[in-house]
Amino acid sequence: QEELVESGGGLVQAGGSLRLGCGDSGRTFATKIMAWFRQAPGKEREFVTASGYSGANIYYADSVKGRFVFSRDNSKSMIYLQMNSLRPEDTGLYYCAADTSRGFFPTAAPSDYAYWGQGTQVTVSS
C-alpha cells in the first residue's frame, strides 16, 4: 500500500524559510517520479517542483525558481522542499505526489500522479 506523509508546514513571515518533508512507505522509491504541488484556497492545484527516476531532471515552476530547492534521499524514501524567501502568495496546502511510471522526465499535470499525501499547510504572513 502506497502512502505518502508530508511534514514541516507552518506559519512564517514573508522572507522566511521552511523545509517540508515527505516520506513514502511504498516500494522501489528510487524509480518513482516524485513531485510537490500546492493549492491555495479557491484555486486549482498547481505544480511546484519534481524530479524524475532516481533524482534525474529536477523541474521547477517559474514562480518558485531560485527560491525553492527540491531534494530527495532514496536511502530514506524521502523528498524535501526547502522554501526560502517565502512570499504571501506561497500560502497554501502543499502536497507530495508519486508517479510509478519510471520516467526520467517529470510532468506538471496532477492527473499524471497516482499517489498523493494529505498535505501540509504553509501560511506566509505579510
PDB file of N, CA and C in Angstrom:
ATOM      1  N   GLN A   1       0.841  -1.179   0.000  1.00  0.00           N
ATOM      2  CA  GLN A   1       0.000   0.000   0.000  1.00  0.00           C
ATOM      3  C   GLN A   1       0.883   1.238   0.000  1.00  0.00           C
ATOM      4  N   GLU A   2       0.692   2.063  -0.994  1.00  0.00           N
ATOM      5  CA  GLU A   2       1.472   3.293  -1.116  1.00  0.00           C
ATOM      6  C   GLU A   2       0.900   4.342  -0.169  1.00  0.00           C
ATOM      7  N   GLU A   3       1.762   4.940   0.628  1.00  0.00           N
ATOM      8  CA  GLU A   3       1.319   6.019   1.498  1.00  0.00           C
ATOM      9  C   GLU A   3       2.377   7.102   1.533  1.00  0.00           C
ATOM     10  N   LEU A   4       1.935   8.323   1.313  1.00  0.00           N
ATOM     11  CA  LEU A   4       2.828   9.471   1.369  1.00  0.00           C
ATOM     12  C   LEU A   4       2.406  10.345   2.538  1.00  0.00           C
ATOM     13  N   VAL A   5       3.362  10.775   3.339  1.00  0.00           N
ATOM     14  CA  VAL A   5       3.058  11.589   4.505  1.00  0.00           C
ATOM     15  C   VAL A   5       3.963  12.808   4.507  1.00  0.00           C
ATOM     16  N   GLU A   6       3.338  13.995   4.456  1.00  0.00           N
ATOM     17  CA  GLU A   6       4.086  15.247   4.473  1.00  0.00           C
ATOM     18  C   GLU A   6       4.284  15.739   5.901  1.00  0.00           C
ATOM     19  N   SER A   7       5.310  16.565   6.078  1.00  0.00           N
ATOM     20  CA  SER A   7       5.566  17.191   7.369  1.00  0.00           C
ATOM     21  C   SER A   7       6.289  18.513   7.143  1.00  0.00           C
ATOM     22  N   GLY A   8       6.293  19.366   8.179  1.00  0.00           N
ATOM     23  CA  GLY A   8       7.119  20.558   8.128  1.00  0.00           C
ATOM     24  C   GLY A   8       6.410  21.848   7.813  1.00  0.00           C
ATOM     25  N   GLY A   9       5.112  21.810   7.588  1.00  0.00           N
ATOM     26  CA  GLY A   9       4.415  23.057   7.314  1.00  0.00           C
ATOM     27  C   GLY A   9       4.322  23.932   8.548  1.00  0.00           C
ATOM     28  N   GLY A  10       3.810  25.148   8.349  1.00  0.00           N
ATOM     29  CA  GLY A  10       3.657  26.053   9.478  1.00  0.00           C
ATOM     30  C   GLY A  10       3.412  27.472   9.049  1.00  0.00           C
ATOM     31  N   LEU A  11       3.513  28.381  10.008  1.00  0.00           N
ATOM     32  CA  LEU A  11       3.306  29.809   9.785  1.00  0.00           C
ATOM     33  C   LEU A  11       4.665  30.505   9.801  1.00  0.00           C
ATOM     34  N   VAL A  12       4.914  31.323   8.810  1.00  0.00           N
ATOM     35  CA  VAL A  12       6.194  32.023   8.719  1.00  0.00           C
ATOM     36  C   VAL A  12       5.951  33.410   8.146  1.00  0.00           C
ATOM     37  N   GLN A  13       6.800  34.342   8.515  1.00  0.00           N
ATOM     38  CA  GLN A  13       6.699  35.693   7.967  1.00  0.00           C
ATOM     39  C   GLN A  13       7.295  35.746   6.569  1.00  0.00           C
ATOM     40  N   ALA A  14       6.834  36.683   5.791  1.00  0.00           N
ATOM     41  CA  ALA A  14       7.386  36.882   4.458  1.00  0.00           C
ATOM     42  C   ALA A  14       8.902  37.086   4.555  1.00  0.00           C
ATOM     43  N   GLY A  15       9.610  36.432   3.639  1.00  0.00           N
ATOM     44  CA  GLY A  15      11.063  36.479   3.642  1.00  0.00           C
ATOM     45  C   GLY A  15      11.704  35.336   4.399  1.00  0.00           C
ATOM     46  N   GLY A  16      10.896  34.599   5.148  1.00  0.00           N
ATOM     47  CA  GLY A  16      11.400  33.495   5.932  1.00  0.00           C
ATOM     48  C   GLY A  16      11.541  32.212   5.134  1.00  0.00           C
ATOM     49  N   SER A  17      11.882  31.143   5.848  1.00  0.00           N
ATOM     50  CA  SER A  17      12.126  29.845   5.214  1.00  0.00           C
ATOM     51  C   SER A  17      11.390  28.738   5.956  1.00  0.00           C
ATOM     52  N   LEU A  18      11.077  27.687   5.208  1.00  0.00           N
ATOM     53  CA  LEU A  18      10.513  26.465   5.769  1.00  0.00           C
ATOM     54  C   LEU A  18      11.065  25.291   4.973  1.00  0.00           C
ATOM     55  N   ARG A  19      11.132  24.139   5.636  1.00  0.00           N
ATOM     56  CA  ARG A  19      11.535  22.918   4.935  1.00  0.00           C
ATOM     57  C   ARG A  19      10.453  21.870   5.120  1.00  0.00           C
ATOM     58  N   LEU A  20       9.918  21.409   4.005  1.00  0.00           N
ATOM     59  CA  LEU A  20       8.924  20.347   4.036  1.00  0.00           C
ATOM     60  C   LEU A  20       9.584  19.007   3.752  1.00  0.00           C
ATOM     61  N   GLY A  21       9.010  17.965   4.326  1.00  0.00           N
ATOM     62  CA  GLY A  21       9.475  16.612   4.040  1.00  0.00           C
ATOM     63  C   GLY A  21       8.296  15.738   3.650  1.00  0.00           C
ATOM     64  N   CYS A  22       8.589  14.668   2.928  1.00  0.00           N
ATOM     65  CA  CYS A  22       7.555  13.715   2.550  1.00  0.00           C
ATOM     66  C   CYS A  22       8.156  12.317   2.547  1.00  0.00           C
ATOM     67  N   GLY A  23       7.571  11.432   3.337  1.00  0.00           N
ATOM     68  CA  GLY A  23       8.019  10.050   3.395  1.00  0.00           C
ATOM     69  C   GLY A  23       7.100   9.152   2.595  1.00  0.00           C
ATOM     70  N   ASP A  24       7.704   8.162   1.937  1.00  0.00           N
ATOM     71  CA  ASP A  24       6.969   7.238   1.083  1.00  0.00           C
ATOM     72  C   ASP A  24       7.093   5.833   1.638  1.00  0.00           C
ATOM     73  N   SER A  25       5.970   5.202   1.942  1.00  0.00           N
ATOM     74  CA  SER A  25       6.002   3.854   2.515  1.00  0.00           C
ATOM     75  C   SER A  25       6.029   2.765   1.450  1.00  0.00           C
ATOM     76  N   GLY A  26       5.918   3.148   0.179  1.00  0.00           N
ATOM     77  CA  GLY A  26       5.864   2.163  -0.890  1.00  0.00           C
ATOM     78  C   GLY A  26       7.227   1.590  -1.230  1.00  0.00           C
ATOM     79  N   ARG A  27       7.242   0.709  -2.199  1.00  0.00           N
ATOM     80  CA  ARG A  27       8.473   0.045  -2.617  1.00  0.00           C
ATOM     81  C   ARG A  27       9.106   0.769  -3.801  1.00  0.00           C
ATOM     82  N   THR A  28      10.366   0.440  -4.049  1.00  0.00           N
ATOM     83  CA  THR A  28      11.122   0.948  -5.204  1.00  0.00           C
ATOM     84  C   THR A  28      11.036   2.456  -5.327  1.00  0.00           C
ATOM     85  N   PHE A  29      11.312   3.131  -4.249  1.00  0.00           N
ATOM     86  CA  PHE A  29      11.193   4.595  -4.207  1.00  0.00           C
ATOM     87  C   PHE A  29      12.057   5.259  -5.265  1.00  0.00           C
ATOM     88  N   ALA A  30      13.276   4.770  -5.452  1.00  0.00           N
ATOM     89  CA  ALA A  30      14.222   5.424  -6.358  1.00  0.00           C
ATOM     90  C   ALA A  30      13.716   5.476  -7.794  1.00  0.00           C
ATOM     91  N   THR A  31      12.806   4.587  -8.158  1.00  0.00           N
ATOM     92  CA  THR A  31      12.325   4.545  -9.539  1.00  0.00           C
ATOM     93  C   THR A  31      11.154   5.498  -9.789  1.00  0.00           C
ATOM     94  N   LYS A  32      10.663   6.125  -8.750  1.00  0.00           N
ATOM     95  CA  LYS A  32       9.452   6.942  -8.894  1.00  0.00           C
ATOM     96  C   LYS A  32       9.762   8.384  -9.261  1.00  0.00           C
ATOM     97  N   ILE A  33       8.893   8.946 -10.059  1.00  0.00           N
ATOM     98  CA  ILE A  33       8.869  10.390 -10.210  1.00  0.00           C
ATOM     99  C   ILE A  33       8.182  10.943  -8.971  1.00  0.00           C
ATOM    100  N   MET A  34       8.832  11.899  -8.313  1.00  0.00           N
ATOM    101  CA  MET A  34       8.282  12.496  -7.097  1.00  0.00           C
ATOM    102  C   MET A  34       8.110  13.990  -7.293  1.00  0.00           C
ATOM    103  N   ALA A  35       7.016  14.514  -6.758  1.00  0.00           N
ATOM    104  CA  ALA A  35       6.689  15.916  -7.024  1.00  0.00           C
ATOM    105  C   ALA A  35       6.094  16.594  -5.803  1.00  0.00           C
ATOM    106  N   TRP A  36       6.150  17.910  -5.827  1.00  0.00           N
ATOM    107  CA  TRP A  36       5.437  18.772  -4.886  1.00  0.00           C
ATOM    108  C   TRP A  36       4.438  19.603  -5.687  1.00  0.00           C
ATOM    109  N   PHE A  37       3.216  19.680  -5.178  1.00  0.00           N
ATOM    110  CA  PHE A  37       2.181  20.548  -5.700  1.00  0.00           C
ATOM    111  C   PHE A  37       1.677  21.400  -4.539  1.00  0.00           C
ATOM    112  N   ARG A  38       0.944  22.437  -4.861  1.00  0.00           N
ATOM    113  CA  ARG A  38       0.305  23.240  -3.824  1.00  0.00           C
ATOM    114  C   ARG A  38      -1.051  23.709  -4.307  1.00  0.00           C
ATOM    115  N   GLN A  39      -1.891  24.035  -3.328  1.00  0.00           N
ATOM    116  CA  GLN A  39      -3.230  24.523  -3.653  1.00  0.00           C
ATOM    117  C   GLN A  39      -3.621  25.608  -2.672  1.00  0.00           C
ATOM    118  N   ALA A  40      -3.879  26.783  -3.201  1.00  0.00           N
ATOM    119  CA  ALA A  40      -4.349  27.907  -2.394  1.00  0.00           C
ATOM    120  C   ALA A  40      -5.869  27.865  -2.356  1.00  0.00           C
ATOM    121  N   PRO A  41      -6.469  28.470  -1.331  1.00  0.00           N
ATOM    122  CA  PRO A  41      -7.929  28.476  -1.224  1.00  0.00           C
ATOM    123  C   PRO A  41      -8.579  29.068  -2.472  1.00  0.00           C
ATOM    124  N   GLY A  42      -9.547  28.345  -3.020  1.00  0.00           N
ATOM    125  CA  GLY A  42     -10.265  28.835  -4.179  1.00  0.00           C
ATOM    126  C   GLY A  42      -9.530  28.706  -5.493  1.00  0.00           C
ATOM    127  N   LYS A  43      -8.364  28.082  -5.473  1.00  0.00           N
ATOM    128  CA  LYS A  43      -7.574  27.933  -6.703  1.00  0.00           C
ATOM    129  C   LYS A  43      -7.330  26.460  -6.993  1.00  0.00           C
ATOM    130  N   GLU A  44      -6.927  26.214  -8.235  1.00  0.00           N
ATOM    131  CA  GLU A  44      -6.608  24.851  -8.629  1.00  0.00           C
ATOM    132  C   GLU A  44      -5.240  24.430  -8.083  1.00  0.00           C
ATOM    133  N   ARG A  45      -5.077  23.129  -7.984  1.00  0.00           N
ATOM    134  CA  ARG A  45      -3.783  22.600  -7.559  1.00  0.00           C
ATOM    135  C   ARG A  45      -2.737  22.920  -8.624  1.00  0.00           C
ATOM    136  N   GLU A  46      -1.563  23.405  -8.190  1.00  0.00           N
ATOM    137  CA  GLU A  46      -0.549  23.792  -9.158  1.00  0.00           C
ATOM    138  C   GLU A  46       0.774  23.101  -8.864  1.00  0.00           C
ATOM    139  N   PHE A  47       1.493  22.858  -9.926  1.00  0.00           N
ATOM    140  CA  PHE A  47       2.805  22.219  -9.849  1.00  0.00           C
ATOM    141  C   PHE A  47       3.817  23.151  -9.211  1.00  0.00           C
ATOM    142  N   VAL A  48       4.687  22.589  -8.351  1.00  0.00           N
ATOM    143  CA  VAL A  48       5.763  23.369  -7.741  1.00  0.00           C
ATOM    144  C   VAL A  48       7.119  22.886  -8.251  1.00  0.00           C
ATOM    145  N   THR A  49       7.390  21.581  -8.064  1.00  0.00           N
ATOM    146  CA  THR A  49       8.679  21.027  -8.475  1.00  0.00           C
ATOM    147  C   THR A  49       8.595  19.513  -8.490  1.00  0.00           C
ATOM    148  N   ALA A  50       9.511  18.882  -9.228  1.00  0.00           N
ATOM    149  CA  ALA A  50       9.524  17.418  -9.289  1.00  0.00           C
ATOM    150  C   ALA A  50      10.857  16.930  -9.822  1.00  0.00           C
ATOM    151  N   SER A  51      11.148  15.675  -9.544  1.00  0.00           N
ATOM    152  CA  SER A  51      12.315  15.035 -10.153  1.00  0.00           C
ATOM    153  C   SER A  51      11.907  13.691 -10.738  1.00  0.00           C
ATOM    154  N   GLY A  52      12.652  13.302 -11.765  1.00  0.00           N
ATOM    155  CA  GLY A  52      12.380  12.040 -12.420  1.00  0.00           C
ATOM    156  C   GLY A  52      13.030  10.866 -11.718  1.00  0.00           C
ATOM    157  N   TYR A  53      13.042   9.754 -12.400  1.00  0.00           N
ATOM    158  CA  TYR A  53      13.621   8.497 -11.937  1.00  0.00           C
ATOM    159  C   TYR A  53      14.994   8.736 -11.317  1.00  0.00           C
ATOM    160  N   SER A  54      15.137   8.293 -10.071  1.00  0.00           N
ATOM    161  CA  SER A  54      16.419   8.359  -9.364  1.00  0.00           C
ATOM    162  C   SER A  54      16.960   9.783  -9.248  1.00  0.00           C
ATOM    163  N   GLY A  55      16.078  10.752  -9.209  1.00  0.00           N
ATOM    164  CA  GLY A  55      16.515  12.125  -8.996  1.00  0.00           C
ATOM    165  C   GLY A  55      16.938  12.879 -10.229  1.00  0.00           C
ATOM    166  N   ALA A  56      16.743  12.305 -11.392  1.00  0.00           N
ATOM    167  CA  ALA A  56      17.123  12.998 -12.615  1.00  0.00           C
ATOM    168  C   ALA A  56      16.149  14.131 -12.938  1.00  0.00           C
ATOM    169  N   ASN A  57      16.685  15.148 -13.613  1.00  0.00           N
ATOM    170  CA  ASN A  57      15.834  16.182 -14.217  1.00  0.00           C
ATOM    171  C   ASN A  57      14.880  16.838 -13.236  1.00  0.00           C
ATOM    172  N   ILE A  58      15.394  17.698 -12.412  1.00  0.00           N
ATOM    173  CA  ILE A  58      14.557  18.437 -11.467  1.00  0.00           C
ATOM    174  C   ILE A  58      13.979  19.662 -12.171  1.00  0.00           C
ATOM    175  N   TYR A  59      12.667  19.789 -12.129  1.00  0.00           N
ATOM    176  CA  TYR A  59      11.974  20.919 -12.747  1.00  0.00           C
ATOM    177  C   TYR A  59      11.330  21.775 -11.660  1.00  0.00           C
ATOM    178  N   TYR A  60      11.240  23.069 -11.927  1.00  0.00           N
ATOM    179  CA  TYR A  60      10.594  23.998 -11.012  1.00  0.00           C
ATOM    180  C   TYR A  60       9.580  24.849 -11.771  1.00  0.00           C
ATOM    181  N   ALA A  61       8.499  25.207 -11.087  1.00  0.00           N
ATOM    182  CA  ALA A  61       7.604  26.225 -11.621  1.00  0.00           C
ATOM    183  C   ALA A  61       8.341  27.561 -11.626  1.00  0.00           C
ATOM    184  N   ASP A  62       8.025  28.398 -12.613  1.00  0.00           N
ATOM    185  CA  ASP A  62       8.698  29.685 -12.698  1.00  0.00           C
ATOM    186  C   ASP A  62       8.519  30.518 -11.429  1.00  0.00           C
ATOM    187  N   SER A  63       7.381  30.365 -10.789  1.00  0.00           N
ATOM    188  CA  SER A  63       7.070  31.183  -9.614  1.00  0.00           C
ATOM    189  C   SER A  63       7.962  30.866  -8.416  1.00  0.00           C
ATOM    190  N   VAL A  64       8.626  29.700  -8.414  1.00  0.00           N
ATOM    191  CA  VAL A  64       9.452  29.325  -7.257  1.00  0.00           C
ATOM    192  C   VAL A  64      10.927  29.173  -7.617  1.00  0.00           C
ATOM    193  N   LYS A  65      11.241  29.281  -8.897  1.00  0.00           N
ATOM    194  CA  LYS A  65      12.615  29.085  -9.356  1.00  0.00           C
ATOM    195  C   LYS A  65      13.541  30.082  -8.679  1.00  0.00           C
ATOM    196  N   GLY A  66      14.650  29.582  -8.145  1.00  0.00           N
ATOM    197  CA  GLY A  66      15.607  30.436  -7.464  1.00  0.00           C
ATOM    198  C   GLY A  66      15.320  30.618  -5.980  1.00  0.00           C
ATOM    199  N   ARG A  67      14.143  30.196  -5.532  1.00  0.00           N
ATOM    200  CA  ARG A  67      13.783  30.324  -4.112  1.00  0.00           C
ATOM    201  C   ARG A  67      13.586  28.973  -3.434  1.00  0.00           C
ATOM    202  N   PHE A  68      13.052  28.015  -4.177  1.00  0.00           N
ATOM    203  CA  PHE A  68      12.766  26.689  -3.619  1.00  0.00           C
ATOM    204  C   PHE A  68      13.789  25.689  -4.156  1.00  0.00           C
ATOM    205  N   VAL A  69      14.096  24.705  -3.317  1.00  0.00           N
ATOM    206  CA  VAL A  69      15.044  23.656  -3.723  1.00  0.00           C
ATOM    207  C   VAL A  69      14.446  22.288  -3.416  1.00  0.00           C
ATOM    208  N   PHE A  70      14.370  21.461  -4.439  1.00  0.00           N
ATOM    209  CA  PHE A  70      13.890  20.091  -4.302  1.00  0.00           C
ATOM    210  C   PHE A  70      15.080  19.173  -4.039  1.00  0.00           C
ATOM    211  N   SER A  71      14.890  18.234  -3.126  1.00  0.00           N
ATOM    212  CA  SER A  71      15.916  17.208  -2.938  1.00  0.00           C
ATOM    213  C   SER A  71      15.242  15.894  -2.571  1.00  0.00           C
ATOM    214  N   ARG A  72      15.963  14.810  -2.784  1.00  0.00           N
ATOM    215  CA  ARG A  72      15.427  13.500  -2.426  1.00  0.00           C
ATOM    216  C   ARG A  72      16.543  12.647  -1.853  1.00  0.00           C
ATOM    217  N   ASP A  73      16.175  11.786  -0.895  1.00  0.00           N
ATOM    218  CA  ASP A  73      17.106  10.839  -0.292  1.00  0.00           C
ATOM    219  C   ASP A  73      16.529   9.459  -0.528  1.00  0.00           C
ATOM    220  N   ASN A  74      17.028   8.791  -1.550  1.00  0.00           N
ATOM    221  CA  ASN A  74      16.463   7.491  -1.918  1.00  0.00           C
ATOM    222  C   ASN A  74      16.697   6.441  -0.831  1.00  0.00           C
ATOM    223  N   SER A  75      17.747   6.601  -0.031  1.00  0.00           N
ATOM    224  CA  SER A  75      18.024   5.621   1.025  1.00  0.00           C
ATOM    225  C   SER A  75      16.985   5.693   2.147  1.00  0.00           C
ATOM    226  N   LYS A  76      16.326   6.852   2.257  1.00  0.00           N
ATOM    227  CA  LYS A  76      15.312   7.038   3.304  1.00  0.00           C
ATOM    228  C   LYS A  76      13.900   7.126   2.740  1.00  0.00           C
ATOM    229  N   SER A  77      13.769   7.012   1.425  1.00  0.00           N
ATOM    230  CA  SER A  77      12.465   7.144   0.767  1.00  0.00           C
ATOM    231  C   SER A  77      11.802   8.470   1.127  1.00  0.00           C
ATOM    232  N   MET A  78      12.588   9.521   1.034  1.00  0.00           N
ATOM    233  CA  MET A  78      12.120  10.856   1.417  1.00  0.00           C
ATOM    234  C   MET A  78      12.391  11.856   0.309  1.00  0.00           C
ATOM    235  N   ILE A  79      11.492  12.813   0.180  1.00  0.00           N
ATOM    236  CA  ILE A  79      11.785  14.008  -0.588  1.00  0.00           C
ATOM    237  C   ILE A  79      11.617  15.212   0.325  1.00  0.00           C
ATOM    238  N   TYR A  80      12.271  16.309  -0.072  1.00  0.00           N
ATOM    239  CA  TYR A  80      12.253  17.524   0.726  1.00  0.00           C
ATOM    240  C   TYR A  80      11.996  18.718  -0.178  1.00  0.00           C
ATOM    241  N   LEU A  81      11.470  19.764   0.419  1.00  0.00           N
ATOM    242  CA  LEU A  81      11.301  21.029  -0.285  1.00  0.00           C
ATOM    243  C   LEU A  81      11.788  22.136   0.637  1.00  0.00           C
ATOM    244  N   GLN A  82      12.946  22.680   0.311  1.00  0.00           N
ATOM    245  CA  GLN A  82      13.468  23.823   1.051  1.00  0.00           C
ATOM    246  C   GLN A  82      12.913  25.085   0.413  1.00  0.00           C
ATOM    247  N   MET A  83      12.160  25.849   1.183  1.00  0.00           N
ATOM    248  CA  MET A  83      11.492  27.047   0.667  1.00  0.00           C
ATOM    249  C   MET A  83      12.109  28.272   1.329  1.00  0.00           C
ATOM    250  N   ASN A  84      12.718  29.111   0.528  1.00  0.00           N
ATOM    251  CA  ASN A  84      13.369  30.328   1.010  1.00  0.00           C
ATOM    252  C   ASN A  84      12.684  31.556   0.428  1.00  0.00           C
ATOM    253  N   SER A  85      12.941  32.697   1.030  1.00  0.00           N
ATOM    254  CA  SER A  85      12.364  33.967   0.555  1.00  0.00           C
ATOM    255  C   SER A  85      10.865  33.822   0.315  1.00  0.00           C
ATOM    256  N   LEU A  86      10.183  33.273   1.299  1.00  0.00           N
ATOM    257  CA  LEU A  86       8.759  32.997   1.138  1.00  0.00           C
ATOM    258  C   LEU A  86       7.948  34.283   1.004  1.00  0.00           C
ATOM    259  N   ARG A  87       6.890  34.170   0.223  1.00  0.00           N
ATOM    260  CA  ARG A  87       6.000  35.289  -0.061  1.00  0.00           C
ATOM    261  C   ARG A  87       4.582  34.918   0.354  1.00  0.00           C
ATOM    262  N   PRO A  88       3.741  35.907   0.614  1.00  0.00           N
ATOM    263  CA  PRO A  88       2.343  35.585   0.964  1.00  0.00           C
ATOM    264  C   PRO A  88       1.658  34.728  -0.104  1.00  0.00           C
ATOM    265  N   GLU A  89       2.011  34.918  -1.348  1.00  0.00           N
ATOM    266  CA  GLU A  89       1.382  34.129  -2.428  1.00  0.00           C
ATOM    267  C   GLU A  89       1.851  32.675  -2.444  1.00  0.00           C
ATOM    268  N   ASP A  90       2.810  32.324  -1.611  1.00  0.00           N
ATOM    269  CA  ASP A  90       3.208  30.919  -1.476  1.00  0.00           C
ATOM    270  C   ASP A  90       2.302  30.158  -0.505  1.00  0.00           C
ATOM    271  N   THR A  91       1.400  30.881   0.136  1.00  0.00           N
ATOM    272  CA  THR A  91       0.482  30.250   1.083  1.00  0.00           C
ATOM    273  C   THR A  91      -0.385  29.207   0.398  1.00  0.00           C
ATOM    274  N   GLY A  92      -0.551  28.052   1.058  1.00  0.00           N
ATOM    275  CA  GLY A  92      -1.398  27.010   0.517  1.00  0.00           C
ATOM    276  C   GLY A  92      -1.154  25.685   1.190  1.00  0.00           C
ATOM    277  N   LEU A  93      -1.898  24.700   0.732  1.00  0.00           N
ATOM    278  CA  LEU A  93      -1.721  23.338   1.189  1.00  0.00           C
ATOM    279  C   LEU A  93      -0.739  22.661   0.237  1.00  0.00           C
ATOM    280  N   TYR A  94       0.360  22.173   0.774  1.00  0.00           N
ATOM    281  CA  TYR A  94       1.412  21.568  -0.043  1.00  0.00           C
ATOM    282  C   TYR A  94       1.295  20.044   0.005  1.00  0.00           C
ATOM    283  N   TYR A  95       1.284  19.452  -1.186  1.00  0.00           N
ATOM    284  CA  TYR A  95       1.132  18.008  -1.323  1.00  0.00           C
ATOM    285  C   TYR A  95       2.367  17.408  -1.970  1.00  0.00           C
ATOM    286  N   CYS A  96       2.758  16.236  -1.522  1.00  0.00           N
ATOM    287  CA  CYS A  96       3.705  15.465  -2.315  1.00  0.00           C
ATOM    288  C   CYS A  96       2.930  14.422  -3.109  1.00  0.00           C
ATOM    289  N   ALA A  97       3.505  14.027  -4.226  1.00  0.00           N
ATOM    290  CA  ALA A  97       2.839  13.109  -5.131  1.00  0.00           C
ATOM    291  C   ALA A  97       3.863  12.175  -5.766  1.00  0.00           C
ATOM    292  N   ALA A  98       3.413  10.978  -6.115  1.00  0.00           N
ATOM    293  CA  ALA A  98       4.294   9.971  -6.707  1.00  0.00           C
ATOM    294  C   ALA A  98       3.698   9.418  -7.994  1.00  0.00           C
ATOM    295  N   ASP A  99       4.587   9.244  -8.966  1.00  0.00           N
ATOM    296  CA  ASP A  99       4.229   8.627 -10.240  1.00  0.00           C
ATOM    297  C   ASP A  99       5.125   7.405 -10.398  1.00  0.00           C
ATOM    298  N   THR A 100       4.532   6.234 -10.570  1.00  0.00           N
ATOM    299  CA  THR A 100       5.302   4.995 -10.612  1.00  0.00           C
ATOM    300  C   THR A 100       5.653   4.555 -12.031  1.00  0.00           C
ATOM    301  N   SER A 101       5.598   5.484 -12.983  1.00  0.00           N
ATOM    302  CA  SER A 101       5.838   5.114 -14.379  1.00  0.00           C
ATOM    303  C   SER A 101       7.310   4.945 -14.733  1.00  0.00           C
ATOM    304  N   ARG A 102       8.229   5.209 -13.803  1.00  0.00           N
ATOM    305  CA  ARG A 102       9.682   5.065 -14.020  1.00  0.00           C
ATOM    306  C   ARG A 102      10.211   5.996 -15.107  1.00  0.00           C
ATOM    307  N   GLY A 103       9.600   7.144 -15.250  1.00  0.00           N
ATOM    308  CA  GLY A 103      10.078   8.074 -16.256  1.00  0.00           C
ATOM    309  C   GLY A 103      11.233   8.920 -15.755  1.00  0.00           C
ATOM    310  N   PHE A 104      12.027   9.409 -16.685  1.00  0.00           N
ATOM    311  CA  PHE A 104      13.135  10.295 -16.337  1.00  0.00           C
ATOM    312  C   PHE A 104      12.705  11.759 -16.315  1.00  0.00           C
ATOM    313  N   PHE A 105      11.586  12.053 -16.948  1.00  0.00           N
ATOM    314  CA  PHE A 105      11.161  13.432 -17.079  1.00  0.00           C
ATOM    315  C   PHE A 105       9.822  13.637 -16.385  1.00  0.00           C
ATOM    316  N   PRO A 106       9.825  14.362 -15.275  1.00  0.00           N
ATOM    317  CA  PRO A 106       8.569  14.564 -14.556  1.00  0.00           C
ATOM    318  C   PRO A 106       7.642  15.486 -15.326  1.00  0.00           C
ATOM    319  N   THR A 107       6.350  15.387 -15.035  1.00  0.00           N
ATOM    320  CA  THR A 107       5.367  16.255 -15.666  1.00  0.00           C
ATOM    321  C   THR A 107       4.737  17.154 -14.615  1.00  0.00           C
ATOM    322  N   ALA A 108       4.045  18.174 -15.092  1.00  0.00           N
ATOM    323  CA  ALA A 108       3.419  19.140 -14.193  1.00  0.00           C
ATOM    324  C   ALA A 108       1.927  18.900 -14.025  1.00  0.00           C
ATOM    325  N   ALA A 109       1.393  17.862 -14.654  1.00  0.00           N
ATOM    326  CA  ALA A 109      -0.049  17.619 -14.608  1.00  0.00           C
ATOM    327  C   ALA A 109      -0.410  16.760 -13.404  1.00  0.00           C
ATOM    328  N   PRO A 110      -1.263  17.240 -12.521  1.00  0.00           N
ATOM    329  CA  PRO A 110      -1.661  16.432 -11.364  1.00  0.00           C
ATOM    330  C   PRO A 110      -2.221  15.067 -11.751  1.00  0.00           C
ATOM    331  N   SER A 111      -2.883  14.982 -12.891  1.00  0.00           N
ATOM    332  CA  SER A 111      -3.507  13.725 -13.306  1.00  0.00           C
ATOM    333  C   SER A 111      -2.481  12.637 -13.620  1.00  0.00           C
ATOM    334  N   ASP A 112      -1.211  13.002 -13.784  1.00  0.00           N
ATOM    335  CA  ASP A 112      -0.160  12.012 -14.055  1.00  0.00           C
ATOM    336  C   ASP A 112       0.343  11.322 -12.799  1.00  0.00           C
ATOM    337  N   TYR A 113      -0.089  11.778 -11.656  1.00  0.00           N
ATOM    338  CA  TYR A 113       0.407  11.245 -10.385  1.00  0.00           C
ATOM    339  C   TYR A 113      -0.682  10.422  -9.711  1.00  0.00           C
ATOM    340  N   ALA A 114      -0.348   9.168  -9.423  1.00  0.00           N
ATOM    341  CA  ALA A 114      -1.351   8.253  -8.902  1.00  0.00           C
ATOM    342  C   ALA A 114      -1.494   8.317  -7.386  1.00  0.00           C
ATOM    343  N   TYR A 115      -0.445   8.754  -6.706  1.00  0.00           N
ATOM    344  CA  TYR A 115      -0.444   8.710  -5.249  1.00  0.00           C
ATOM    345  C   TYR A 115      -0.178  10.093  -4.685  1.00  0.00           C
ATOM    346  N   TRP A 116      -0.933  10.414  -3.633  1.00  0.00           N
ATOM    347  CA  TRP A 116      -0.872  11.741  -3.029  1.00  0.00           C
ATOM    348  C   TRP A 116      -0.846  11.640  -1.511  1.00  0.00           C
ATOM    349  N   GLY A 117      -0.135  12.582  -0.897  1.00  0.00           N
ATOM    350  CA  GLY A 117      -0.236  12.731   0.536  1.00  0.00           C
ATOM    351  C   GLY A 117      -1.460  13.556   0.890  1.00  0.00           C
ATOM    352  N   GLN A 118      -1.661  13.759   2.182  1.00  0.00           N
ATOM    353  CA  GLN A 118      -2.826  14.514   2.634  1.00  0.00           C
ATOM    354  C   GLN A 118      -2.565  16.012   2.687  1.00  0.00           C
ATOM    355  N   GLY A 119      -1.319  16.397   2.562  1.00  0.00           N
ATOM    356  CA  GLY A 119      -0.984  17.811   2.505  1.00  0.00           C
ATOM    357  C   GLY A 119      -0.545  18.368   3.839  1.00  0.00           C
ATOM    358  N   THR A 120       0.276  19.410   3.754  1.00  0.00           N
ATOM    359  CA  THR A 120       0.706  20.144   4.937  1.00  0.00           C
ATOM    360  C   THR A 120       0.548  21.633   4.654  1.00  0.00           C
ATOM    361  N   GLN A 121      -0.008  22.360   5.617  1.00  0.00           N
ATOM    362  CA  GLN A 121      -0.347  23.775   5.404  1.00  0.00           C
ATOM    363  C   GLN A 121       0.875  24.658   5.569  1.00  0.00           C
ATOM    364  N   VAL A 122       1.050  25.546   4.615  1.00  0.00           N
ATOM    365  CA  VAL A 122       2.076  26.594   4.696  1.00  0.00           C
ATOM    366  C   VAL A 122       1.359  27.934   4.621  1.00  0.00           C
ATOM    367  N   THR A 123       1.598  28.772   5.619  1.00  0.00           N
ATOM    368  CA  THR A 123       0.993  30.101   5.657  1.00  0.00           C
ATOM    369  C   THR A 123       2.095  31.134   5.806  1.00  0.00           C
ATOM    370  N   VAL A 124       2.137  32.075   4.869  1.00  0.00           N
ATOM    371  CA  VAL A 124       3.150  33.124   4.880  1.00  0.00           C
ATOM    372  C   VAL A 124       2.443  34.451   5.151  1.00  0.00           C
ATOM    373  N   SER A 125       2.800  35.078   6.239  1.00  0.00           N
ATOM    374  CA  SER A 125       2.165  36.343   6.606  1.00  0.00           C
ATOM    375  C   SER A 125       2.979  37.513   6.056  1.00  0.00           C
ATOM    376  N   SER A 126       2.269  38.574   5.747  1.00  0.00           N
ATOM    377  CA  SER A 126       2.953  39.749   5.168  1.00  0.00           C
ATOM    378  C   SER A 126       3.422  40.713   6.244  1.00  0.00           C
TER     379      SER A 126
END
